[in-house]
N, C-alpha and C. Protein backbone atom coordinates (compact mmCIF):
# COMPACT_ATOMS: atom_id res chain seq x y z
N MET A 1 19.91 -12.17 -28.67
CA MET A 1 18.94 -13.02 -28.04
C MET A 1 18.18 -12.25 -26.95
N LEU A 2 18.87 -11.48 -26.14
CA LEU A 2 18.21 -10.72 -25.09
C LEU A 2 17.37 -9.57 -25.65
N ALA A 3 17.71 -9.10 -26.83
CA ALA A 3 16.95 -8.01 -27.42
C ALA A 3 15.54 -8.47 -27.79
N ASP A 4 15.36 -9.75 -28.06
CA ASP A 4 14.05 -10.27 -28.42
C ASP A 4 13.16 -10.55 -27.21
N ALA A 5 13.75 -10.63 -26.04
CA ALA A 5 12.97 -10.95 -24.83
C ALA A 5 12.14 -9.74 -24.41
N LYS A 6 10.93 -10.02 -23.97
CA LYS A 6 10.07 -8.94 -23.49
C LYS A 6 10.43 -8.60 -22.06
N VAL A 7 10.71 -7.35 -21.81
CA VAL A 7 11.02 -6.91 -20.45
C VAL A 7 9.73 -6.63 -19.70
N VAL A 8 8.80 -6.02 -20.39
CA VAL A 8 7.51 -5.69 -19.78
C VAL A 8 6.51 -6.77 -20.21
N PRO A 9 5.84 -7.40 -19.23
CA PRO A 9 4.87 -8.44 -19.62
C PRO A 9 3.69 -7.84 -20.36
N SER A 10 2.99 -8.68 -21.07
CA SER A 10 1.83 -8.19 -21.80
C SER A 10 0.75 -7.76 -20.82
N ALA A 11 -0.19 -7.00 -21.32
CA ALA A 11 -1.26 -6.48 -20.46
C ALA A 11 -2.08 -7.63 -19.90
N MET A 12 -2.45 -7.50 -18.63
CA MET A 12 -3.26 -8.52 -17.96
C MET A 12 -4.72 -8.09 -17.99
N SER A 13 -5.58 -9.04 -18.21
CA SER A 13 -7.00 -8.73 -18.17
C SER A 13 -7.46 -8.72 -16.72
N LEU A 14 -8.65 -8.24 -16.50
CA LEU A 14 -9.22 -8.21 -15.15
C LEU A 14 -9.37 -9.63 -14.60
N ASN A 15 -9.71 -10.56 -15.46
CA ASN A 15 -9.83 -11.95 -15.05
C ASN A 15 -8.48 -12.50 -14.58
N ASP A 16 -7.41 -12.16 -15.28
CA ASP A 16 -6.08 -12.61 -14.87
C ASP A 16 -5.68 -12.02 -13.53
N VAL A 17 -5.98 -10.76 -13.33
CA VAL A 17 -5.65 -10.10 -12.05
C VAL A 17 -6.43 -10.76 -10.92
N CYS A 18 -7.72 -10.99 -11.12
CA CYS A 18 -8.53 -11.63 -10.07
C CYS A 18 -8.06 -13.04 -9.79
N CYS A 19 -7.56 -13.70 -10.80
CA CYS A 19 -7.07 -15.07 -10.64
C CYS A 19 -5.76 -15.08 -9.84
N MET A 20 -4.93 -14.08 -10.00
CA MET A 20 -3.61 -14.07 -9.38
C MET A 20 -3.57 -13.39 -8.01
N VAL A 21 -4.61 -12.69 -7.60
CA VAL A 21 -4.61 -11.99 -6.31
C VAL A 21 -4.31 -12.92 -5.14
N PRO A 22 -4.93 -14.10 -5.02
CA PRO A 22 -4.59 -14.96 -3.88
C PRO A 22 -3.12 -15.40 -3.88
N ALA A 23 -2.56 -15.65 -5.03
CA ALA A 23 -1.15 -16.05 -5.09
C ALA A 23 -0.24 -14.91 -4.67
N TRP A 24 -0.55 -13.69 -5.11
CA TRP A 24 0.26 -12.54 -4.72
C TRP A 24 0.18 -12.29 -3.22
N PHE A 25 -1.02 -12.39 -2.66
CA PHE A 25 -1.15 -12.17 -1.23
C PHE A 25 -0.59 -13.35 -0.43
N GLY A 26 -0.59 -14.54 -0.99
CA GLY A 26 0.05 -15.68 -0.34
C GLY A 26 1.55 -15.47 -0.20
N VAL A 27 2.16 -14.94 -1.24
CA VAL A 27 3.59 -14.63 -1.19
C VAL A 27 3.85 -13.52 -0.17
N SER A 28 3.02 -12.48 -0.17
CA SER A 28 3.24 -11.39 0.77
C SER A 28 3.00 -11.83 2.21
N ALA A 29 2.06 -12.74 2.45
CA ALA A 29 1.85 -13.27 3.81
C ALA A 29 3.05 -14.09 4.25
N THR A 30 3.64 -14.85 3.35
CA THR A 30 4.82 -15.64 3.68
C THR A 30 5.99 -14.73 4.03
N LEU A 31 6.19 -13.68 3.26
CA LEU A 31 7.26 -12.73 3.55
C LEU A 31 7.01 -11.96 4.85
N ALA A 32 5.75 -11.60 5.11
CA ALA A 32 5.43 -10.90 6.36
C ALA A 32 5.66 -11.79 7.57
N LEU A 33 5.34 -13.08 7.45
CA LEU A 33 5.59 -14.00 8.55
C LEU A 33 7.08 -14.17 8.79
N GLY A 34 7.86 -14.24 7.73
CA GLY A 34 9.31 -14.32 7.87
C GLY A 34 9.88 -13.09 8.55
N ALA A 35 9.38 -11.91 8.18
CA ALA A 35 9.83 -10.67 8.82
C ALA A 35 9.41 -10.63 10.29
N LEU A 36 8.21 -11.10 10.59
CA LEU A 36 7.75 -11.16 11.99
C LEU A 36 8.61 -12.09 12.82
N THR A 37 8.93 -13.25 12.28
CA THR A 37 9.78 -14.20 13.00
C THR A 37 11.18 -13.64 13.21
N ALA A 38 11.73 -13.00 12.18
CA ALA A 38 13.06 -12.40 12.30
C ALA A 38 13.05 -11.27 13.33
N GLU A 39 11.98 -10.51 13.38
CA GLU A 39 11.88 -9.40 14.34
C GLU A 39 11.78 -9.92 15.77
N CYS A 40 11.00 -10.96 15.98
CA CYS A 40 10.79 -11.47 17.34
C CYS A 40 11.98 -12.29 17.84
N SER A 41 12.70 -12.96 16.94
CA SER A 41 13.79 -13.84 17.37
C SER A 41 15.17 -13.21 17.19
N ASN A 42 15.24 -12.06 16.54
CA ASN A 42 16.52 -11.42 16.21
C ASN A 42 17.42 -12.34 15.40
N SER A 43 16.82 -13.16 14.56
CA SER A 43 17.58 -14.11 13.74
C SER A 43 16.94 -14.18 12.36
N TRP A 44 17.70 -13.76 11.34
CA TRP A 44 17.17 -13.82 9.99
C TRP A 44 17.06 -15.26 9.51
N SER A 45 17.90 -16.13 10.02
CA SER A 45 17.80 -17.53 9.60
C SER A 45 16.50 -18.15 10.12
N ALA A 46 16.05 -17.73 11.31
CA ALA A 46 14.76 -18.21 11.80
C ALA A 46 13.63 -17.68 10.93
N GLY A 47 13.76 -16.44 10.45
CA GLY A 47 12.75 -15.88 9.55
C GLY A 47 12.69 -16.62 8.23
N VAL A 48 13.84 -17.00 7.70
CA VAL A 48 13.87 -17.77 6.45
C VAL A 48 13.26 -19.15 6.67
N ALA A 49 13.57 -19.77 7.81
CA ALA A 49 12.99 -21.08 8.11
C ALA A 49 11.48 -21.00 8.26
N ALA A 50 10.99 -19.95 8.94
CA ALA A 50 9.54 -19.78 9.10
C ALA A 50 8.87 -19.55 7.76
N SER A 51 9.51 -18.79 6.89
CA SER A 51 8.95 -18.57 5.55
C SER A 51 8.91 -19.86 4.75
N GLY A 52 9.96 -20.65 4.88
CA GLY A 52 9.98 -21.93 4.17
C GLY A 52 8.90 -22.88 4.65
N ILE A 53 8.69 -22.92 5.96
CA ILE A 53 7.64 -23.77 6.51
C ILE A 53 6.27 -23.27 6.09
N MET A 54 6.08 -21.94 6.15
CA MET A 54 4.79 -21.36 5.76
C MET A 54 4.48 -21.65 4.28
N ALA A 55 5.51 -21.68 3.46
CA ALA A 55 5.30 -21.89 2.02
C ALA A 55 4.82 -23.29 1.70
N VAL A 56 5.06 -24.27 2.59
CA VAL A 56 4.65 -25.64 2.29
C VAL A 56 3.52 -26.14 3.19
N VAL A 57 3.00 -25.30 4.07
CA VAL A 57 1.89 -25.71 4.92
C VAL A 57 0.64 -25.88 4.04
N PRO A 58 -0.01 -27.03 4.09
CA PRO A 58 -1.14 -27.28 3.20
C PRO A 58 -2.29 -26.30 3.36
N ALA A 59 -2.57 -25.85 4.56
CA ALA A 59 -3.67 -24.91 4.76
C ALA A 59 -3.38 -23.57 4.09
N HIS A 60 -2.11 -23.14 4.11
CA HIS A 60 -1.75 -21.89 3.44
C HIS A 60 -1.78 -22.05 1.93
N ILE A 61 -1.33 -23.20 1.45
CA ILE A 61 -1.36 -23.45 0.00
C ILE A 61 -2.80 -23.48 -0.50
N MET A 62 -3.69 -24.07 0.29
CA MET A 62 -5.08 -24.18 -0.12
C MET A 62 -5.74 -22.80 -0.27
N ARG A 63 -5.34 -21.86 0.58
CA ARG A 63 -5.96 -20.54 0.56
C ARG A 63 -5.25 -19.55 -0.35
N SER A 64 -4.10 -19.90 -0.87
CA SER A 64 -3.36 -18.96 -1.69
C SER A 64 -3.07 -19.48 -3.09
N VAL A 65 -3.81 -20.47 -3.54
CA VAL A 65 -3.60 -21.00 -4.88
C VAL A 65 -4.22 -20.04 -5.90
N ALA A 66 -3.55 -19.88 -7.03
CA ALA A 66 -4.05 -18.98 -8.07
C ALA A 66 -5.35 -19.54 -8.62
N GLY A 67 -6.33 -18.68 -8.76
CA GLY A 67 -7.61 -19.07 -9.32
C GLY A 67 -8.69 -19.30 -8.29
N GLY A 68 -8.33 -19.52 -7.06
CA GLY A 68 -9.32 -19.76 -6.01
C GLY A 68 -9.39 -18.57 -5.08
N TYR A 69 -10.14 -17.57 -5.45
CA TYR A 69 -10.18 -16.35 -4.63
C TYR A 69 -10.81 -16.64 -3.27
N ASP A 70 -10.10 -16.25 -2.25
CA ASP A 70 -10.58 -16.40 -0.89
C ASP A 70 -10.09 -15.20 -0.10
N ASN A 71 -10.94 -14.62 0.70
CA ASN A 71 -10.58 -13.45 1.48
C ASN A 71 -9.52 -13.77 2.53
N GLU A 72 -9.36 -15.05 2.87
CA GLU A 72 -8.40 -15.40 3.91
C GLU A 72 -6.96 -15.16 3.46
N SER A 73 -6.68 -15.22 2.18
CA SER A 73 -5.32 -14.93 1.73
C SER A 73 -4.98 -13.46 1.99
N ILE A 74 -5.94 -12.59 1.83
CA ILE A 74 -5.73 -11.17 2.10
C ILE A 74 -5.70 -10.92 3.61
N ALA A 75 -6.56 -11.60 4.35
CA ALA A 75 -6.62 -11.41 5.80
C ALA A 75 -5.35 -11.90 6.48
N LEU A 76 -4.77 -12.99 6.01
CA LEU A 76 -3.55 -13.50 6.61
C LEU A 76 -2.39 -12.53 6.42
N THR A 77 -2.33 -11.90 5.26
CA THR A 77 -1.32 -10.87 5.03
C THR A 77 -1.54 -9.70 5.99
N ALA A 78 -2.79 -9.31 6.19
CA ALA A 78 -3.09 -8.20 7.10
C ALA A 78 -2.70 -8.54 8.54
N MET A 79 -2.99 -9.75 8.98
CA MET A 79 -2.66 -10.14 10.36
C MET A 79 -1.14 -10.20 10.57
N CYS A 80 -0.42 -10.82 9.66
CA CYS A 80 1.03 -10.91 9.81
C CYS A 80 1.69 -9.54 9.76
N THR A 81 1.21 -8.68 8.88
CA THR A 81 1.76 -7.33 8.79
C THR A 81 1.46 -6.54 10.05
N THR A 82 0.24 -6.67 10.59
CA THR A 82 -0.12 -5.97 11.81
C THR A 82 0.75 -6.41 12.98
N PHE A 83 0.94 -7.72 13.13
CA PHE A 83 1.76 -8.21 14.24
C PHE A 83 3.22 -7.81 14.07
N PHE A 84 3.73 -7.81 12.83
CA PHE A 84 5.10 -7.36 12.61
C PHE A 84 5.27 -5.89 12.99
N CYS A 85 4.35 -5.05 12.53
CA CYS A 85 4.45 -3.62 12.85
C CYS A 85 4.28 -3.36 14.34
N TRP A 86 3.43 -4.12 14.99
CA TRP A 86 3.22 -3.97 16.43
C TRP A 86 4.49 -4.36 17.20
N CYS A 87 5.10 -5.49 16.84
CA CYS A 87 6.35 -5.90 17.50
C CYS A 87 7.47 -4.91 17.22
N ARG A 88 7.47 -4.37 16.03
CA ARG A 88 8.49 -3.37 15.67
C ARG A 88 8.30 -2.09 16.46
N ALA A 89 7.05 -1.72 16.74
CA ALA A 89 6.78 -0.50 17.50
C ALA A 89 7.11 -0.65 18.98
N LEU A 90 7.21 -1.88 19.48
CA LEU A 90 7.53 -2.10 20.89
C LEU A 90 9.01 -2.01 21.20
N ARG A 91 9.84 -1.83 20.21
CA ARG A 91 11.27 -1.74 20.42
C ARG A 91 11.62 -0.52 21.27
N HIS A 92 12.77 -0.59 21.91
CA HIS A 92 13.24 0.55 22.69
C HIS A 92 14.05 1.52 21.83
N ASP A 93 14.31 1.15 20.61
CA ASP A 93 15.02 2.01 19.68
C ASP A 93 14.11 3.15 19.27
N LYS A 94 14.56 4.37 19.47
CA LYS A 94 13.69 5.54 19.22
C LYS A 94 13.42 5.76 17.73
N ARG A 95 14.23 5.18 16.86
CA ARG A 95 14.02 5.40 15.43
C ARG A 95 12.84 4.61 14.88
N VAL A 96 12.47 3.51 15.52
CA VAL A 96 11.43 2.65 14.98
C VAL A 96 10.23 2.50 15.91
N THR A 97 10.07 3.39 16.85
CA THR A 97 8.95 3.26 17.79
C THR A 97 7.71 4.00 17.32
N ASP A 98 7.68 4.39 16.08
CA ASP A 98 6.51 5.07 15.54
C ASP A 98 5.39 4.05 15.33
N GLY A 99 4.21 4.36 15.82
CA GLY A 99 3.09 3.44 15.72
C GLY A 99 2.23 3.63 14.49
N ARG A 100 2.59 4.56 13.60
CA ARG A 100 1.75 4.80 12.42
C ARG A 100 1.66 3.61 11.47
N PRO A 101 2.75 2.88 11.22
CA PRO A 101 2.58 1.69 10.37
C PRO A 101 1.64 0.65 10.99
N THR A 102 1.68 0.54 12.31
CA THR A 102 0.76 -0.38 12.98
C THR A 102 -0.67 0.08 12.80
N GLN A 103 -0.90 1.37 12.94
CA GLN A 103 -2.25 1.92 12.74
C GLN A 103 -2.72 1.67 11.32
N ASP A 104 -1.85 1.90 10.36
CA ASP A 104 -2.24 1.68 8.96
C ASP A 104 -2.53 0.21 8.67
N SER A 105 -1.75 -0.69 9.27
CA SER A 105 -2.00 -2.11 9.01
C SER A 105 -3.26 -2.59 9.71
N VAL A 106 -3.61 -2.01 10.85
CA VAL A 106 -4.88 -2.35 11.50
C VAL A 106 -6.05 -1.87 10.65
N ILE A 107 -5.94 -0.68 10.09
CA ILE A 107 -6.99 -0.17 9.20
C ILE A 107 -7.10 -1.06 7.97
N TYR A 108 -5.96 -1.50 7.43
CA TYR A 108 -5.95 -2.42 6.30
C TYR A 108 -6.63 -3.73 6.66
N GLY A 109 -6.37 -4.23 7.87
CA GLY A 109 -6.99 -5.47 8.31
C GLY A 109 -8.51 -5.33 8.46
N VAL A 110 -8.94 -4.18 8.98
CA VAL A 110 -10.39 -3.95 9.11
C VAL A 110 -11.03 -3.85 7.74
N ALA A 111 -10.35 -3.20 6.81
CA ALA A 111 -10.89 -3.08 5.46
C ALA A 111 -10.91 -4.45 4.76
N ALA A 112 -9.97 -5.33 5.13
CA ALA A 112 -9.95 -6.67 4.53
C ALA A 112 -11.00 -7.59 5.14
N GLY A 113 -11.55 -7.20 6.28
CA GLY A 113 -12.62 -7.97 6.87
C GLY A 113 -12.21 -8.96 7.92
N ILE A 114 -11.06 -8.73 8.57
CA ILE A 114 -10.66 -9.67 9.63
C ILE A 114 -11.24 -9.24 10.96
């Protein structure tokens, strides 16, 4: 039975990719917000709760639904990632005080148009 299952999905057309981009970035924005909350509160359970709340907020659902391309789904991912990297760079731990990920996420945010 498992031998008949496709492991690799079929090829996606450009239309399918354009349709799914907001959904993919909506998921990544939710995960970035959870990581930001966990970083700021030092509690992974708070990060999971923030991700759960973000996943059901109507404004986020409206901007990240598949088929409705909106630049805000990409911009929200850029903002959450930038704030996460910035908070991570402010740590006193010498292993994670590198600001290059923050710089890269700011450049990503500018390229996304925020």
